[in-house]
Amino acid sequence: MVNRKQSVFEDLIDLTALLPWWAGLLLALISYFLIHPFAVEPVPSATGVKEAGEMVSKNLIRSFAIFGQYLFPAVFLMGTAVSAMSSRKRNRLLATTAETTSQGAIKALSWREFEILVGEVFRCHGYTVQQTAGGADGGVDLELKKNGEKQLVQCKQWRATKVGVTTVRELFGVMAACGAVGAFIVTSGVFTREAKSFAEGRNITLIDGRTLDEMVRLAKRKSTNSSIFSNAAERGFSPPANDAIEAVPDCPACGSPMVKRVARRGNNVGKAFWGCVNFPNCRGTKTV
């Protein structure tokens, strides 16, 4: 079956839907105020052949502007609505998964839901997330950007019990071809010893089901804290310095979220510290 080619307006809606909802609203306002002056500009009468040509051109522009001043804002507003609904869907999926105690809840997700969930987890940790054209059995599913650096995410093996070294090798090749500085492979299962060994030193982070479960809960906490503080700011309040809600830092080594742990050996036995969720693949730490 031949795919129907999208119109320019459908492309604009899709592009706007990728932006934050407020950006689409801003584009709608800007487009109206840019086009509206042409719609109300008077067209002078023609007194000669040269003036007649100019009059025809201005009439065409005016006719386009009369419709365009409403059409383009409407298109951007539709994209804004899609963006807002997508954001709400992502937040609901994150909240529902975080509140479920069973790891089987993640395995029960469809591939698309799993991809949305993973994207929202990274989004909550400061990454700009873009979906690629990859399918359920494709290569790269998400592209991440943070501090100007591009990283890749593959959710392909989301239901695999064990992910082998072949998958990691393939993604490493794609990394080099795309100019990405790093990559993540996410699964609800586990990785083989060979896969972990190959990933070491190649800036490929392997996120298994247990780690993903922790990341989902941390992302939910970050999302909740962010909304609490933003709502307080709107009312003119700011969180106190000794607020009980503690921000979860990102790992200085790989950028992944961190979890609080207690040292069991060494000079700091019994003391709390922040450790990367990807331990032992990543040994990044921070003091509490």
C-alpha atoms as a PDB file:
ATOM      1  CA  MET A   1       0.000   0.000   0.000  1.00  0.00           C
ATOM      2  CA  VAL A   2       1.390   3.402  -1.062  1.00  0.00           C
ATOM      3  CA  ASN A   3       1.793   5.928   1.723  1.00  0.00           C
ATOM      4  CA  ARG A   4      -0.137   9.146   1.210  1.00  0.00           C
ATOM      5  CA  LYS A   5       2.106  12.182   0.855  1.00  0.00           C
ATOM      6  CA  GLN A   6       1.489  14.723   3.593  1.00  0.00           C
ATOM      7  CA  SER A   7       0.591  18.317   2.813  1.00  0.00           C
ATOM      8  CA  VAL A   8       2.694  21.274   3.946  1.00  0.00           C
ATOM      9  CA  PHE A   9       0.134  22.047   6.657  1.00  0.00           C
ATOM     10  CA  GLU A  10       0.276  18.478   8.003  1.00  0.00           C
ATOM     11  CA  ASP A  11       4.067  18.756   8.110  1.00  0.00           C
ATOM     12  CA  LEU A  12       3.750  22.034  10.035  1.00  0.00           C
ATOM     13  CA  ILE A  13       1.402  20.382  12.542  1.00  0.00           C
ATOM     14  CA  ASP A  14       3.856  17.497  13.017  1.00  0.00           C
ATOM     15  CA  LEU A  15       6.805  19.858  13.471  1.00  0.00           C
ATOM     16  CA  THR A  16       4.892  22.036  15.940  1.00  0.00           C
ATOM     17  CA  ALA A  17       3.863  18.941  17.893  1.00  0.00           C
ATOM     18  CA  LEU A  18       7.553  18.225  18.534  1.00  0.00           C
ATOM     19  CA  LEU A  19       7.930  21.593  20.279  1.00  0.00           C
ATOM     20  CA  PRO A  20       6.829  22.502  23.808  1.00  0.00           C
ATOM     21  CA  TRP A  21       3.182  23.621  23.854  1.00  0.00           C
ATOM     22  CA  TRP A  22       4.118  27.232  24.662  1.00  0.00           C
ATOM     23  CA  ALA A  23       6.379  27.410  21.587  1.00  0.00           C
ATOM     24  CA  GLY A  24       3.454  26.451  19.332  1.00  0.00           C
ATOM     25  CA  LEU A  25       1.279  29.086  20.969  1.00  0.00           C
ATOM     26  CA  LEU A  26       4.004  31.682  20.418  1.00  0.00           C
ATOM     27  CA  LEU A  27       4.297  30.716  16.734  1.00  0.00           C
ATOM     28  CA  ALA A  28       0.528  31.129  16.327  1.00  0.00           C
ATOM     29  CA  LEU A  29       0.651  34.670  17.727  1.00  0.00           C
ATOM     30  CA  ILE A  30       3.734  35.650  15.707  1.00  0.00           C
ATOM     31  CA  SER A  31       2.275  34.321  12.444  1.00  0.00           C
ATOM     32  CA  TYR A  32      -0.946  36.279  12.956  1.00  0.00           C
ATOM     33  CA  PHE A  33       0.781  39.584  13.695  1.00  0.00           C
ATOM     34  CA  LEU A  34       3.186  39.109  10.769  1.00  0.00           C
ATOM     35  CA  ILE A  35       0.497  38.318   8.184  1.00  0.00           C
ATOM     36  CA  HIS A  36      -2.362  40.531   9.413  1.00  0.00           C
ATOM     37  CA  PRO A  37      -0.871  43.882   8.196  1.00  0.00           C
ATOM     38  CA  PHE A  38      -0.836  42.568   4.604  1.00  0.00           C
ATOM     39  CA  ALA A  39      -4.507  41.584   4.903  1.00  0.00           C
ATOM     40  CA  VAL A  40      -5.642  45.099   5.865  1.00  0.00           C
ATOM     41  CA  GLU A  41      -3.297  47.043   3.592  1.00  0.00           C
ATOM     42  CA  PRO A  42      -5.335  49.075   1.049  1.00  0.00           C
ATOM     43  CA  VAL A  43      -4.704  48.389  -2.641  1.00  0.00           C
ATOM     44  CA  PRO A  44      -4.263  51.604  -4.683  1.00  0.00           C
ATOM     45  CA  SER A  45      -6.199  52.151  -7.905  1.00  0.00           C
ATOM     46  CA  ALA A  46      -4.358  51.606 -11.164  1.00  0.00           C
ATOM     47  CA  THR A  47      -3.762  54.639 -13.395  1.00  0.00           C
ATOM     48  CA  GLY A  48      -1.573  52.923 -15.969  1.00  0.00           C
ATOM     49  CA  VAL A  49      -0.214  49.605 -17.221  1.00  0.00           C
ATOM     50  CA  LYS A  50       2.631  49.578 -14.688  1.00  0.00           C
ATOM     51  CA  GLU A  51       0.311  50.373 -11.794  1.00  0.00           C
ATOM     52  CA  ALA A  52      -2.112  47.677 -12.989  1.00  0.00           C
ATOM     53  CA  GLY A  53       0.594  45.028 -12.655  1.00  0.00           C
ATOM     54  CA  GLU A  54       1.456  46.193  -9.141  1.00  0.00           C
ATOM     55  CA  MET A  55      -2.228  46.225  -8.212  1.00  0.00           C
ATOM     56  CA  VAL A  56      -2.661  42.613  -9.342  1.00  0.00           C
ATOM     57  CA  SER A  57       0.396  41.532  -7.310  1.00  0.00           C
ATOM     58  CA  LYS A  58      -0.799  43.359  -4.194  1.00  0.00           C
ATOM     59  CA  ASN A  59      -4.298  41.912  -4.586  1.00  0.00           C
ATOM     60  CA  LEU A  60      -2.848  38.404  -4.716  1.00  0.00           C
ATOM     61  CA  ILE A  61      -0.760  39.053  -1.594  1.00  0.00           C
ATOM     62  CA  ARG A  62      -3.753  40.583   0.175  1.00  0.00           C
ATOM     63  CA  SER A  63      -5.986  37.623  -0.745  1.00  0.00           C
ATOM     64  CA  PHE A  64      -3.375  35.185   0.562  1.00  0.00           C
ATOM     65  CA  ALA A  65      -2.984  37.207   3.761  1.00  0.00           C
ATOM     66  CA  ILE A  66      -6.748  37.377   4.408  1.00  0.00           C
ATOM     67  CA  PHE A  67      -6.865  33.587   4.661  1.00  0.00           C
ATOM     68  CA  GLY A  68      -3.316  33.056   5.922  1.00  0.00           C
ATOM     69  CA  GLN A  69      -3.731  35.299   8.959  1.00  0.00           C
ATOM     70  CA  TYR A  70      -6.148  32.718  10.357  1.00  0.00           C
ATOM     71  CA  LEU A  71      -4.953  29.541   8.632  1.00  0.00           C
ATOM     72  CA  PHE A  72      -1.357  29.519   9.885  1.00  0.00           C
ATOM     73  CA  PRO A  73      -2.255  30.325  13.517  1.00  0.00           C
ATOM     74  CA  ALA A  74      -4.882  27.554  13.364  1.00  0.00           C
ATOM     75  CA  VAL A  75      -2.265  25.084  12.093  1.00  0.00           C
ATOM     76  CA  PHE A  76       0.160  26.040  14.863  1.00  0.00           C
ATOM     77  CA  LEU A  77      -2.613  25.792  17.458  1.00  0.00           C
ATOM     78  CA  MET A  78      -3.464  22.272  16.255  1.00  0.00           C
ATOM     79  CA  GLY A  79       0.198  21.327  16.638  1.00  0.00           C
ATOM     80  CA  THR A  80       0.140  22.893  20.105  1.00  0.00           C
ATOM     81  CA  ALA A  81      -2.855  20.753  21.062  1.00  0.00           C
ATOM     82  CA  VAL A  82      -1.078  17.612  19.842  1.00  0.00           C
ATOM     83  CA  SER A  83       2.045  18.610  21.804  1.00  0.00           C
ATOM     84  CA  ALA A  84       0.042  19.197  24.996  1.00  0.00           C
ATOM     85  CA  MET A  85      -1.799  15.877  24.667  1.00  0.00           C
ATOM     86  CA  SER A  86       1.456  14.010  23.978  1.00  0.00           C
ATOM     87  CA  SER A  87       3.073  15.584  27.027  1.00  0.00           C
ATOM     88  CA  ARG A  88       0.111  14.613  29.183  1.00  0.00           C
ATOM     89  CA  LYS A  89       0.204  11.057  27.847  1.00  0.00           C
ATOM     90  CA  ARG A  90       3.932  10.766  28.595  1.00  0.00           C
ATOM     91  CA  ASN A  91       3.491  12.088  32.128  1.00  0.00           C
ATOM     92  CA  ARG A  92       0.588   9.714  32.797  1.00  0.00           C
ATOM     93  CA  LEU A  93       2.567   6.727  31.498  1.00  0.00           C
ATOM     94  CA  LEU A  94       5.559   7.673  33.651  1.00  0.00           C
ATOM     95  CA  ALA A  95       3.398   8.116  36.755  1.00  0.00           C
ATOM     96  CA  THR A  96       1.503   4.852  36.231  1.00  0.00           C
ATOM     97  CA  THR A  97       4.678   2.834  35.671  1.00  0.00           C
ATOM     98  CA  ALA A  98       6.477   4.439  38.635  1.00  0.00           C
ATOM     99  CA  GLU A  99       3.597   3.615  40.975  1.00  0.00           C
ATOM    100  CA  THR A 100       3.550  -0.057  39.948  1.00  0.00           C
ATOM    101  CA  THR A 101       5.730  -2.192  42.189  1.00  0.00           C
ATOM    102  CA  SER A 102       6.048  -5.123  39.778  1.00  0.00           C
ATOM    103  CA  GLN A 103       8.785  -5.016  37.118  1.00  0.00           C
ATOM    104  CA  GLY A 104       6.408  -7.005  34.934  1.00  0.00           C
ATOM    105  CA  ALA A 105       4.506  -3.771  34.335  1.00  0.00           C
ATOM    106  CA  ILE A 106       7.296  -2.578  32.040  1.00  0.00           C
ATOM    107  CA  LYS A 107       7.329  -5.865  30.101  1.00  0.00           C
ATOM    108  CA  ALA A 108       3.580  -5.547  29.625  1.00  0.00           C
ATOM    109  CA  LEU A 109       4.029  -2.284  27.693  1.00  0.00           C
ATOM    110  CA  SER A 110       3.872  -2.230  23.909  1.00  0.00           C
ATOM    111  CA  TRP A 111       7.035  -1.242  22.033  1.00  0.00           C
ATOM    112  CA  ARG A 112       5.655   2.252  21.366  1.00  0.00           C
ATOM    113  CA  GLU A 113       4.692   2.747  25.025  1.00  0.00           C
ATOM    114  CA  PHE A 114       8.115   1.512  26.101  1.00  0.00           C
ATOM    115  CA  GLU A 115       9.788   3.990  23.747  1.00  0.00           C
ATOM    116  CA  ILE A 116       7.614   6.849  25.066  1.00  0.00           C
ATOM    117  CA  LEU A 117       8.427   5.865  28.653  1.00  0.00           C
ATOM    118  CA  VAL A 118      12.177   5.756  28.019  1.00  0.00           C
ATOM    119  CA  GLY A 119      12.051   9.095  26.203  1.00  0.00           C
ATOM    120  CA  GLU A 120      10.216  10.713  29.111  1.00  0.00           C
ATOM    121  CA  VAL A 121      12.752   9.316  31.600  1.00  0.00           C
ATOM    122  CA  PHE A 122      15.612  10.963  29.695  1.00  0.00           C
ATOM    123  CA  ARG A 123      13.575  14.135  29.212  1.00  0.00           C
ATOM    124  CA  CYS A 124      13.119  14.421  32.973  1.00  0.00           C
ATOM    125  CA  HIS A 125      16.887  14.210  33.363  1.00  0.00           C
ATOM    126  CA  GLY A 126      17.567  17.200  31.140  1.00  0.00           C
ATOM    127  CA  TYR A 127      17.896  15.650  27.684  1.00  0.00           C
ATOM    128  CA  THR A 128      16.203  16.912  24.542  1.00  0.00           C
ATOM    129  CA  VAL A 129      14.515  13.834  23.069  1.00  0.00           C
ATOM    130  CA  GLN A 130      13.658  13.238  19.423  1.00  0.00           C
ATOM    131  CA  GLN A 131      12.020  10.126  18.016  1.00  0.00           C
ATOM    132  CA  THR A 132      13.594   8.612  14.911  1.00  0.00           C
ATOM    133  CA  ALA A 133      11.981   6.655  12.104  1.00  0.00           C
ATOM    134  CA  GLY A 134      13.062   3.305  13.566  1.00  0.00           C
ATOM    135  CA  GLY A 135      10.426   0.623  14.029  1.00  0.00           C
ATOM    136  CA  ALA A 136       9.936  -2.051  16.655  1.00  0.00           C
ATOM    137  CA  ASP A 137      12.727  -4.086  15.040  1.00  0.00           C
ATOM    138  CA  GLY A 138      14.753  -1.128  13.769  1.00  0.00           C
ATOM    139  CA  GLY A 139      18.032   0.380  14.928  1.00  0.00           C
ATOM    140  CA  VAL A 140      18.067   3.687  16.783  1.00  0.00           C
ATOM    141  CA  ASP A 141      14.751   4.676  18.367  1.00  0.00           C
ATOM    142  CA  LEU A 142      15.602   7.979  20.062  1.00  0.00           C
ATOM    143  CA  GLU A 143      18.176  10.727  19.661  1.00  0.00           C
ATOM    144  CA  LEU A 144      19.220  12.630  22.775  1.00  0.00           C
ATOM    145  CA  LYS A 145      20.925  15.994  23.006  1.00  0.00           C
ATOM    146  CA  LYS A 146      22.453  17.546  26.084  1.00  0.00           C
ATOM    147  CA  ASN A 147      25.132  20.249  26.280  1.00  0.00           C
ATOM    148  CA  GLY A 148      25.386  20.161  22.481  1.00  0.00           C
ATOM    149  CA  GLU A 149      26.273  16.453  22.366  1.00  0.00           C
ATOM    150  CA  LYS A 150      24.241  13.800  20.564  1.00  0.00           C
ATOM    151  CA  GLN A 151      23.598  10.356  22.029  1.00  0.00           C
ATOM    152  CA  LEU A 152      21.546   7.460  20.697  1.00  0.00           C
ATOM    153  CA  VAL A 153      19.009   5.216  22.399  1.00  0.00           C
ATOM    154  CA  GLN A 154      17.898   1.780  21.265  1.00  0.00           C
ATOM    155  CA  CYS A 155      14.767   0.246  22.776  1.00  0.00           C
ATOM    156  CA  LYS A 156      14.700  -2.593  20.247  1.00  0.00           C
ATOM    157  CA  GLN A 157      15.180  -5.406  22.758  1.00  0.00           C
ATOM    158  CA  TRP A 158      12.577  -4.125  25.219  1.00  0.00           C
ATOM    159  CA  ARG A 159      11.112  -7.558  25.956  1.00  0.00           C
ATOM    160  CA  ALA A 160      14.255  -9.649  25.521  1.00  0.00           C
ATOM    161  CA  THR A 161      15.177 -11.841  28.475  1.00  0.00           C
ATOM    162  CA  LYS A 162      18.863 -11.454  27.602  1.00  0.00           C
ATOM    163  CA  VAL A 163      20.475  -8.988  25.194  1.00  0.00           C
ATOM    164  CA  GLY A 164      23.660 -10.256  23.567  1.00  0.00           C
ATOM    165  CA  VAL A 165      26.835  -8.680  22.267  1.00  0.00           C
ATOM    166  CA  THR A 166      25.599  -8.523  18.644  1.00  0.00           C
ATOM    167  CA  THR A 167      23.124  -5.771  19.500  1.00  0.00           C
ATOM    168  CA  VAL A 168      25.834  -3.746  21.246  1.00  0.00           C
ATOM    169  CA  ARG A 169      28.259  -4.155  18.319  1.00  0.00           C
ATOM    170  CA  GLU A 170      25.634  -2.997  15.829  1.00  0.00           C
ATOM    171  CA  LEU A 171      24.816   0.109  17.847  1.00  0.00           C
ATOM    172  CA  PHE A 172      28.516   0.932  18.208  1.00  0.00           C
ATOM    173  CA  GLY A 173      28.768   0.984  14.406  1.00  0.00           C
ATOM    174  CA  VAL A 174      25.730   3.262  14.144  1.00  0.00           C
ATOM    175  CA  MET A 175      27.283   5.586  16.758  1.00  0.00           C
ATOM    176  CA  ALA A 176      30.344   6.112  14.602  1.00  0.00           C
ATOM    177  CA  ALA A 177      28.280   6.648  11.444  1.00  0.00           C
ATOM    178  CA  CYS A 178      26.002   9.227  13.123  1.00  0.00           C
ATOM    179  CA  GLY A 179      28.751  11.107  14.932  1.00  0.00           C
ATOM    180  CA  ALA A 180      27.200  10.400  18.339  1.00  0.00           C
ATOM    181  CA  VAL A 181      29.366  10.680  21.453  1.00  0.00           C
ATOM    182  CA  GLY A 182      27.550   7.890  23.268  1.00  0.00           C
ATOM    183  CA  ALA A 183      24.600   5.531  23.273  1.00  0.00           C
ATOM    184  CA  PHE A 184      22.161   3.719  25.537  1.00  0.00           C
ATOM    185  CA  ILE A 185      20.608   0.289  25.077  1.00  0.00           C
ATOM    186  CA  VAL A 186      17.485  -0.185  27.176  1.00  0.00           C
ATOM    187  CA  THR A 187      15.771  -3.475  27.943  1.00  0.00           C
ATOM    188  CA  SER A 188      13.378  -4.861  30.522  1.00  0.00           C
ATOM    189  CA  GLY A 189      15.608  -7.942  30.773  1.00  0.00           C
ATOM    190  CA  VAL A 190      19.359  -8.289  31.378  1.00  0.00           C
ATOM    191  CA  PHE A 191      22.580  -8.172  29.331  1.00  0.00           C
ATOM    192  CA  THR A 192      24.992 -11.036  28.756  1.00  0.00           C
ATOM    193  CA  ARG A 193      28.519 -10.902  30.142  1.00  0.00           C
ATOM    194  CA  GLU A 194      29.893 -10.534  26.591  1.00  0.00           C
ATOM    195  CA  ALA A 195      27.611  -7.547  25.932  1.00  0.00           C
ATOM    196  CA  LYS A 196      28.762  -5.825  29.133  1.00  0.00           C
ATOM    197  CA  SER A 197      32.402  -6.519  28.316  1.00  0.00           C
ATOM    198  CA  PHE A 198      32.104  -5.067  24.801  1.00  0.00           C
ATOM    199  CA  ALA A 199      30.297  -1.932  26.043  1.00  0.00           C
ATOM    200  CA  GLU A 200      33.061  -1.072  28.517  1.00  0.00           C
ATOM    201  CA  GLY A 201      35.243   1.801  27.316  1.00  0.00           C
ATOM    202  CA  ARG A 202      33.036   2.523  24.291  1.00  0.00           C
ATOM    203  CA  ASN A 203      30.677   5.011  25.974  1.00  0.00           C
ATOM    204  CA  ILE A 204      27.712   2.665  25.567  1.00  0.00           C
ATOM    205  CA  THR A 205      25.508   2.500  28.647  1.00  0.00           C
ATOM    206  CA  LEU A 206      23.513  -0.691  29.163  1.00  0.00           C
ATOM    207  CA  ILE A 207      20.270  -0.167  31.082  1.00  0.00           C
ATOM    208  CA  ASP A 208      18.635  -3.392  32.251  1.00  0.00           C
ATOM    209  CA  GLY A 209      15.158  -3.848  33.709  1.00  0.00           C
ATOM    210  CA  ARG A 210      16.180  -3.253  37.307  1.00  0.00           C
ATOM    211  CA  THR A 211      18.111  -0.084  36.459  1.00  0.00           C
ATOM    212  CA  LEU A 212      15.270   1.189  34.292  1.00  0.00           C
ATOM    213  CA  ASP A 213      12.843   0.668  37.148  1.00  0.00           C
ATOM    214  CA  GLU A 214      15.041   2.861  39.372  1.00  0.00           C
ATOM    215  CA  MET A 215      15.367   5.494  36.645  1.00  0.00           C
ATOM    216  CA  VAL A 216      11.588   5.622  36.167  1.00  0.00           C
ATOM    217  CA  ARG A 217      11.029   6.226  39.868  1.00  0.00           C
ATOM    218  CA  LEU A 218      13.737   8.891  40.004  1.00  0.00           C
ATOM    219  CA  ALA A 219      12.334  10.597  36.902  1.00  0.00           C
ATOM    220  CA  LYS A 220       8.852  10.607  38.456  1.00  0.00           C
ATOM    221  CA  ARG A 221      10.298  12.208  41.583  1.00  0.00           C
ATOM    222  CA  LYS A 222      12.094  14.838  39.499  1.00  0.00           C
ATOM    223  CA  SER A 223       8.934  15.545  37.507  1.00  0.00           C
ATOM    224  CA  THR A 224       6.867  15.910  40.685  1.00  0.00           C
ATOM    225  CA  ASN A 225       9.441  18.152  42.363  1.00  0.00           C
ATOM    226  CA  SER A 226       9.673  20.351  39.275  1.00  0.00           C
ATOM    227  CA  SER A 227       5.903  20.875  39.123  1.00  0.00           C
ATOM    228  CA  ILE A 228       5.745  21.563  42.876  1.00  0.00           C
ATOM    229  CA  PHE A 229       8.421  24.242  42.651  1.00  0.00           C
ATOM    230  CA  SER A 230       7.052  25.821  39.461  1.00  0.00           C
ATOM    231  CA  ASN A 231       3.555  26.072  40.961  1.00  0.00           C
ATOM    232  CA  ALA A 232       5.009  27.627  44.108  1.00  0.00           C
ATOM    233  CA  ALA A 233       6.959  30.138  42.030  1.00  0.00           C
ATOM    234  CA  GLU A 234       3.783  31.154  40.196  1.00  0.00           C
ATOM    235  CA  ARG A 235       2.186  31.935  43.564  1.00  0.00           C
ATOM    236  CA  GLY A 236       5.209  33.982  44.635  1.00  0.00           C
ATOM    237  CA  PHE A 237       6.769  31.389  46.939  1.00  0.00           C
ATOM    238  CA  SER A 238      10.133  29.642  46.792  1.00  0.00           C
ATOM    239  CA  PRO A 239      11.113  26.321  48.405  1.00  0.00           C
ATOM    240  CA  PRO A 240      12.947  26.675  51.704  1.00  0.00           C
ATOM    241  CA  ALA A 241      16.663  25.944  51.843  1.00  0.00           C
ATOM    242  CA  ASN A 242      16.140  22.890  54.062  1.00  0.00           C
ATOM    243  CA  ASP A 243      13.335  21.457  51.942  1.00  0.00           C
ATOM    244  CA  ALA A 244      12.908  17.728  52.531  1.00  0.00           C
ATOM    245  CA  ILE A 245      12.721  17.037  48.797  1.00  0.00           C
ATOM    246  CA  GLU A 246      16.299  16.493  47.640  1.00  0.00           C
ATOM    247  CA  ALA A 247      17.326  16.978  44.027  1.00  0.00           C
ATOM    248  CA  VAL A 248      18.687  13.881  42.311  1.00  0.00           C
ATOM    249  CA  PRO A 249      22.008  14.712  40.592  1.00  0.00           C
ATOM    250  CA  ASP A 250      23.221  13.406  37.250  1.00  0.00           C
ATOM    251  CA  CYS A 251      26.310  11.224  37.091  1.00  0.00           C
ATOM    252  CA  PRO A 252      29.441  13.290  36.271  1.00  0.00           C
ATOM    253  CA  ALA A 253      30.790  10.403  34.194  1.00  0.00           C
ATOM    254  CA  CYS A 254      27.862   9.355  31.975  1.00  0.00           C
ATOM    255  CA  GLY A 255      25.031  11.806  32.694  1.00  0.00           C
ATOM    256  CA  SER A 256      22.629   9.153  34.004  1.00  0.00           C
ATOM    257  CA  PRO A 257      20.654   9.716  37.235  1.00  0.00           C
ATOM    258  CA  MET A 258      22.232   8.756  40.546  1.00  0.00           C
ATOM    259  CA  VAL A 259      20.939   6.927  43.612  1.00  0.00           C
ATOM    260  CA  LYS A 260      21.915   7.347  47.252  1.00  0.00           C
ATOM    261  CA  ARG A 261      24.020   4.510  48.630  1.00  0.00           C
ATOM    262  CA  VAL A 262      25.963   3.770  51.825  1.00  0.00           C
ATOM    263  CA  ALA A 263      29.663   2.882  51.707  1.00  0.00           C
ATOM    264  CA  ARG A 264      30.372  -0.628  53.002  1.00  0.00           C
ATOM    265  CA  ARG A 265      34.150  -0.564  52.795  1.00  0.00           C
ATOM    266  CA  GLY A 266      37.095   1.825  52.727  1.00  0.00           C
ATOM    267  CA  ASN A 267      37.667   4.965  54.777  1.00  0.00           C
ATOM    268  CA  ASN A 268      34.049   6.140  54.427  1.00  0.00           C
ATOM    269  CA  VAL A 269      32.249   3.063  55.785  1.00  0.00           C
ATOM    270  CA  GLY A 270      28.703   3.929  56.871  1.00  0.00           C
ATOM    271  CA  LYS A 271      28.655   7.275  55.065  1.00  0.00           C
ATOM    272  CA  ALA A 272      26.083   8.062  52.362  1.00  0.00           C
ATOM    273  CA  PHE A 273      27.120   9.009  48.829  1.00  0.00           C
ATOM    274  CA  TRP A 274      25.576   9.352  45.371  1.00  0.00           C
ATOM    275  CA  GLY A 275      26.357   6.464  43.018  1.00  0.00           C
ATOM    276  CA  CYS A 276      25.487   6.014  39.345  1.00  0.00           C
ATOM    277  CA  VAL A 277      22.505   3.753  38.593  1.00  0.00           C
ATOM    278  CA  ASN A 278      24.638   2.054  35.927  1.00  0.00           C
ATOM    279  CA  PHE A 279      27.119   0.631  38.467  1.00  0.00           C
ATOM    280  CA  PRO A 280      29.236  -1.452  37.850  1.00  0.00           C
ATOM    281  CA  ASN A 281      29.301  -0.316  34.187  1.00  0.00           C
ATOM    282  CA  CYS A 282      29.819   3.243  35.431  1.00  0.00           C
ATOM    283  CA  ARG A 283      31.548   4.067  38.712  1.00  0.00           C
ATOM    284  CA  GLY A 284      30.711   7.767  38.876  1.00  0.00           C
ATOM    285  CA  THR A 285      30.138   9.083  42.408  1.00  0.00           C
ATOM    286  CA  LYS A 286      29.301  12.328  44.183  1.00  0.00           C
ATOM    287  CA  THR A 287      29.371  13.313  47.825  1.00  0.00           C
ATOM    288  CA  VAL A 288      26.031  13.898  49.542  1.00  0.00           C
END
